[in-house]
């Protein structure tokens, strides 16, 4: 059995990464695959990762044993900011070994691990390390969450170019229909444009529509 980790990143903060991650996990479950989600680094929480709780709610399942053991949420910082800042404010550094060990643990037990990052690809994890560097180091294929809001074409293309430049595999685009522009014309055109751009430049990538809640 091939066990795969997909890294889920967004073009921006608040693009619906958490909902998309939960929804995709639910789909994998429905397809009979053994799936779990992990949060790379959770900020703005104390005991439990809100994002992981949200994933389980969307999946319609209770918490896993791995959730109670905090394997799915190895690093939690209290201040709601970029990980590099949250870590500074909490006065402790991010334990990357702990995060990697957690991912390895999950990969042993599950067919698919959906690893949700914080914000976009260029979000700093430390002063020296960007999220995209961590993805590259671990050779994770990426599922990029985007949407039809005004400005998302620019953010999406910049994100795709960054992946391309580093030879990181784009597994799929997750197009979040919950984050459309108020203007239907913009939403429709954004989807059309991005679809043809991805087909042309990333012919192997999949396209997932994340339906309205």
Protein backbone atom coordinates (compact mmCIF):
# COMPACT_ATOMS: atom_id res chain seq x y z
CA UNK A 1 0.00 0.00 0.00
CA UNK A 2 1.38 3.38 -0.98
CA UNK A 3 1.16 5.95 1.81
CA UNK A 4 1.11 9.57 0.73
CA UNK A 5 1.39 12.92 2.46
CA UNK A 6 -0.18 15.87 0.64
CA UNK A 7 0.73 19.32 1.88
CA UNK A 8 -2.25 21.67 1.81
CA UNK A 9 -1.37 25.31 1.34
CA UNK A 10 -3.41 28.33 0.34
CA UNK A 11 -2.86 31.35 -1.85
CA UNK A 12 -3.54 33.51 1.18
CA UNK A 13 -4.81 33.39 4.72
CA UNK A 14 -8.61 32.94 5.07
CA UNK A 15 -8.99 31.29 1.65
CA UNK A 16 -10.70 28.28 3.23
CA UNK A 17 -7.77 25.91 3.69
CA UNK A 18 -9.22 24.27 6.78
CA UNK A 19 -12.61 23.65 5.20
CA UNK A 20 -10.95 22.32 2.02
CA UNK A 21 -8.73 19.98 4.06
CA UNK A 22 -11.71 18.60 5.99
CA UNK A 23 -13.76 18.23 2.83
CA UNK A 24 -11.00 16.37 0.95
CA UNK A 25 -10.44 14.09 3.96
CA UNK A 26 -14.16 13.28 3.92
CA UNK A 27 -13.94 12.47 0.19
CA UNK A 28 -10.96 10.14 0.71
CA UNK A 29 -12.94 8.41 3.50
CA UNK A 30 -15.94 7.99 1.21
CA UNK A 31 -13.61 6.43 -1.38
CA UNK A 32 -12.67 3.83 1.21
CA UNK A 33 -9.23 5.21 1.96
CA UNK A 34 -7.78 5.35 5.43
CA UNK A 35 -7.13 9.08 5.89
CA UNK A 36 -6.12 11.50 8.62
CA UNK A 37 -5.25 15.20 8.73
CA UNK A 38 -2.37 16.87 10.52
CA UNK A 39 -1.75 20.52 11.26
CA UNK A 40 1.87 21.53 10.63
CA UNK A 41 1.83 24.30 13.22
CA UNK A 42 -1.28 25.67 14.90
CA UNK A 43 -1.24 29.26 16.10
CA UNK A 44 -3.85 31.11 18.14
CA UNK A 45 -4.81 28.07 20.23
CA UNK A 46 -3.94 26.63 23.64
CA UNK A 47 -4.85 22.97 24.24
CA UNK A 48 -6.23 21.64 20.96
CA UNK A 49 -5.89 22.69 17.35
CA UNK A 50 -9.18 24.30 16.28
CA UNK A 51 -8.39 23.37 12.68
CA UNK A 52 -8.09 19.67 13.49
CA UNK A 53 -11.39 19.79 15.42
CA UNK A 54 -12.96 21.46 12.39
CA UNK A 55 -11.59 18.73 10.09
CA UNK A 56 -13.18 15.99 12.23
CA UNK A 57 -16.48 17.85 12.31
CA UNK A 58 -16.52 18.11 8.49
CA UNK A 59 -15.46 14.47 8.17
CA UNK A 60 -18.34 13.61 10.50
CA UNK A 61 -16.22 11.48 12.80
CA UNK A 62 -15.08 11.65 16.44
CA UNK A 63 -11.50 12.53 17.34
CA UNK A 64 -8.87 9.90 16.56
CA UNK A 65 -6.67 8.41 19.25
CA UNK A 66 -3.86 10.29 17.42
CA UNK A 67 -5.73 13.56 18.05
CA UNK A 68 -5.91 12.90 21.79
CA UNK A 69 -2.22 12.05 21.76
CA UNK A 70 -1.57 15.35 19.92
CA UNK A 71 0.22 13.56 17.07
CA UNK A 72 -2.00 15.41 14.59
CA UNK A 73 -1.23 18.76 16.26
CA UNK A 74 2.36 18.48 17.50
CA UNK A 75 3.05 22.21 17.79
CA UNK A 76 0.49 24.69 19.17
CA UNK A 77 1.28 28.34 19.88
CA UNK A 78 -1.10 30.71 21.62
CA UNK A 79 -0.72 33.91 19.60
CA UNK A 80 -2.74 34.09 16.35
CA UNK A 81 0.05 35.10 13.96
CA UNK A 82 2.62 33.70 11.56
CA UNK A 83 4.43 30.73 13.20
CA UNK A 84 7.77 32.57 13.38
CA UNK A 85 6.15 35.37 15.40
CA UNK A 86 3.91 33.13 17.53
CA UNK A 87 6.94 31.08 18.54
CA UNK A 88 8.87 34.23 19.52
CA UNK A 89 5.95 35.54 21.56
CA UNK A 90 5.47 32.20 23.34
CA UNK A 91 9.19 32.17 24.07
CA UNK A 92 9.96 28.74 22.63
CA UNK A 93 11.17 27.56 19.27
CA UNK A 94 9.32 25.26 16.88
CA UNK A 95 10.37 21.64 17.30
CA UNK A 96 10.63 20.45 13.70
CA UNK A 97 11.84 17.01 14.71
CA UNK A 98 8.64 16.56 16.69
CA UNK A 99 6.54 17.61 13.68
CA UNK A 100 8.40 15.27 11.32
CA UNK A 101 8.15 12.35 13.75
CA UNK A 102 4.41 12.98 14.04
CA UNK A 103 4.01 12.87 10.25
CA UNK A 104 6.02 9.61 10.09
CA UNK A 105 3.82 8.08 12.79
CA UNK A 106 0.70 8.95 10.81
CA UNK A 107 2.12 7.73 7.51
CA UNK A 108 2.69 4.30 9.09
CA UNK A 109 -0.98 3.94 10.00
CA UNK A 110 -2.88 5.81 7.27
CA UNK A 111 -2.96 5.64 3.46
CA UNK A 112 -3.34 9.39 3.10
CA UNK A 113 -2.15 12.19 5.39
CA UNK A 114 -3.38 15.69 4.58
CA UNK A 115 -0.90 18.08 6.18
CA UNK A 116 -2.35 21.57 6.51
CA UNK A 117 0.10 24.45 6.64
CA UNK A 118 -0.39 27.91 8.14
CA UNK A 119 -1.37 30.54 5.56
CA UNK A 120 0.43 30.58 2.21
CA UNK A 121 3.59 29.02 0.79
CA UNK A 122 5.89 31.89 1.75
CA UNK A 123 4.78 32.11 5.38
CA UNK A 124 7.93 32.13 7.55
CA UNK A 125 8.21 29.29 10.05
CA UNK A 126 11.40 30.81 11.48
CA UNK A 127 13.53 33.77 10.44
CA UNK A 128 15.49 31.42 8.18
CA UNK A 129 12.87 28.93 7.03
CA UNK A 130 9.82 29.47 4.84
CA UNK A 131 6.92 27.03 4.62
CA UNK A 132 7.88 26.27 1.02
CA UNK A 133 11.41 25.31 2.16
CA UNK A 134 9.90 22.78 4.55
CA UNK A 135 7.73 21.37 1.75
CA UNK A 136 10.74 21.10 -0.57
CA UNK A 137 12.93 19.44 2.06
CA UNK A 138 10.29 16.77 2.68
CA UNK A 139 9.33 16.46 -1.01
CA UNK A 140 5.61 16.77 -0.30
CA UNK A 141 3.27 17.13 -3.29
CA UNK A 142 1.08 20.21 -2.81
CA UNK A 143 -2.66 20.77 -2.93
CA UNK A 144 -3.11 24.51 -3.40
CA UNK A 145 -6.35 26.11 -2.19
CA UNK A 146 -7.58 29.03 -4.25
CA UNK A 147 -10.91 30.69 -5.03
CA UNK A 148 -12.82 33.06 -7.24
CA UNK A 149 -12.30 36.22 -5.26
CA UNK A 150 -10.88 39.32 -6.94
CA UNK A 151 -7.07 39.19 -6.81
CA UNK A 152 -6.84 35.43 -6.56
CA UNK A 153 -5.51 34.98 -10.10
CA UNK A 154 -2.40 36.96 -9.18
CA UNK A 155 -1.91 35.12 -5.86
CA UNK A 156 -2.47 31.74 -7.51
CA UNK A 157 0.00 32.33 -10.33
CA UNK A 158 2.65 33.62 -7.92
CA UNK A 159 2.17 30.50 -5.78
CA UNK A 160 2.36 28.20 -8.82
CA UNK A 161 5.49 29.92 -10.06
CA UNK A 162 7.14 29.49 -6.66
CA UNK A 163 6.35 25.76 -6.74
CA UNK A 164 7.63 25.44 -10.30
CA UNK A 165 10.84 27.25 -9.51
CA UNK A 166 11.62 24.79 -6.73
CA UNK A 167 10.47 21.70 -8.64
CA UNK A 168 7.74 20.96 -6.13
CA UNK A 169 4.96 18.79 -7.49
CA UNK A 170 1.50 20.36 -7.72
CA UNK A 171 -0.84 17.46 -6.97
CA UNK A 172 -4.05 19.47 -7.27
CA UNK A 173 -5.82 22.79 -7.16
CA UNK A 174 -8.64 22.89 -4.60
CA UNK A 175 -11.00 25.58 -5.83
CA UNK A 176 -13.04 26.83 -2.90
CA UNK A 177 -16.53 27.85 -4.04
CA UNK A 178 -17.23 29.29 -0.58
CA UNK A 179 -14.84 32.15 -1.25
CA UNK A 180 -16.22 33.66 -4.44
CA UNK A 181 -16.31 37.30 -5.46
CA UNK A 182 -19.62 39.11 -4.86
CA UNK A 183 -19.50 39.70 -8.60
CA UNK A 184 -20.49 36.47 -10.39
CA UNK A 185 -18.80 37.64 -13.61
CA UNK A 186 -15.43 37.81 -11.84
CA UNK A 187 -15.88 34.40 -10.19
CA UNK A 188 -16.77 32.65 -13.44
CA UNK A 189 -13.90 34.23 -15.35
CA UNK A 190 -11.40 33.50 -12.54
CA UNK A 191 -12.32 29.82 -12.59
CA UNK A 192 -12.16 29.62 -16.39
CA UNK A 193 -8.80 31.38 -16.52
CA UNK A 194 -7.18 29.34 -13.76
CA UNK A 195 -8.46 26.05 -15.17
CA UNK A 196 -6.92 26.66 -18.58
CA UNK A 197 -3.69 28.00 -17.02
CA UNK A 198 -3.30 24.90 -14.84
CA UNK A 199 -4.14 22.52 -17.71
CA UNK A 200 -1.52 24.15 -19.88
CA UNK A 201 1.26 24.56 -17.31
CA UNK A 202 0.56 21.66 -14.93
CA UNK A 203 -1.09 19.01 -17.12
CA UNK A 204 -0.69 16.28 -14.48
CA UNK A 205 -2.40 18.29 -11.71
CA UNK A 206 -5.94 17.50 -10.60
CA UNK A 207 -8.73 20.04 -10.08
CA UNK A 208 -11.01 19.66 -7.04
CA UNK A 209 -14.06 21.84 -6.62
CA UNK A 210 -14.74 22.44 -2.92
CA UNK A 211 -18.50 22.90 -2.85
CA UNK A 212 -20.43 25.48 -0.86
CA UNK A 213 -21.03 24.52 2.75
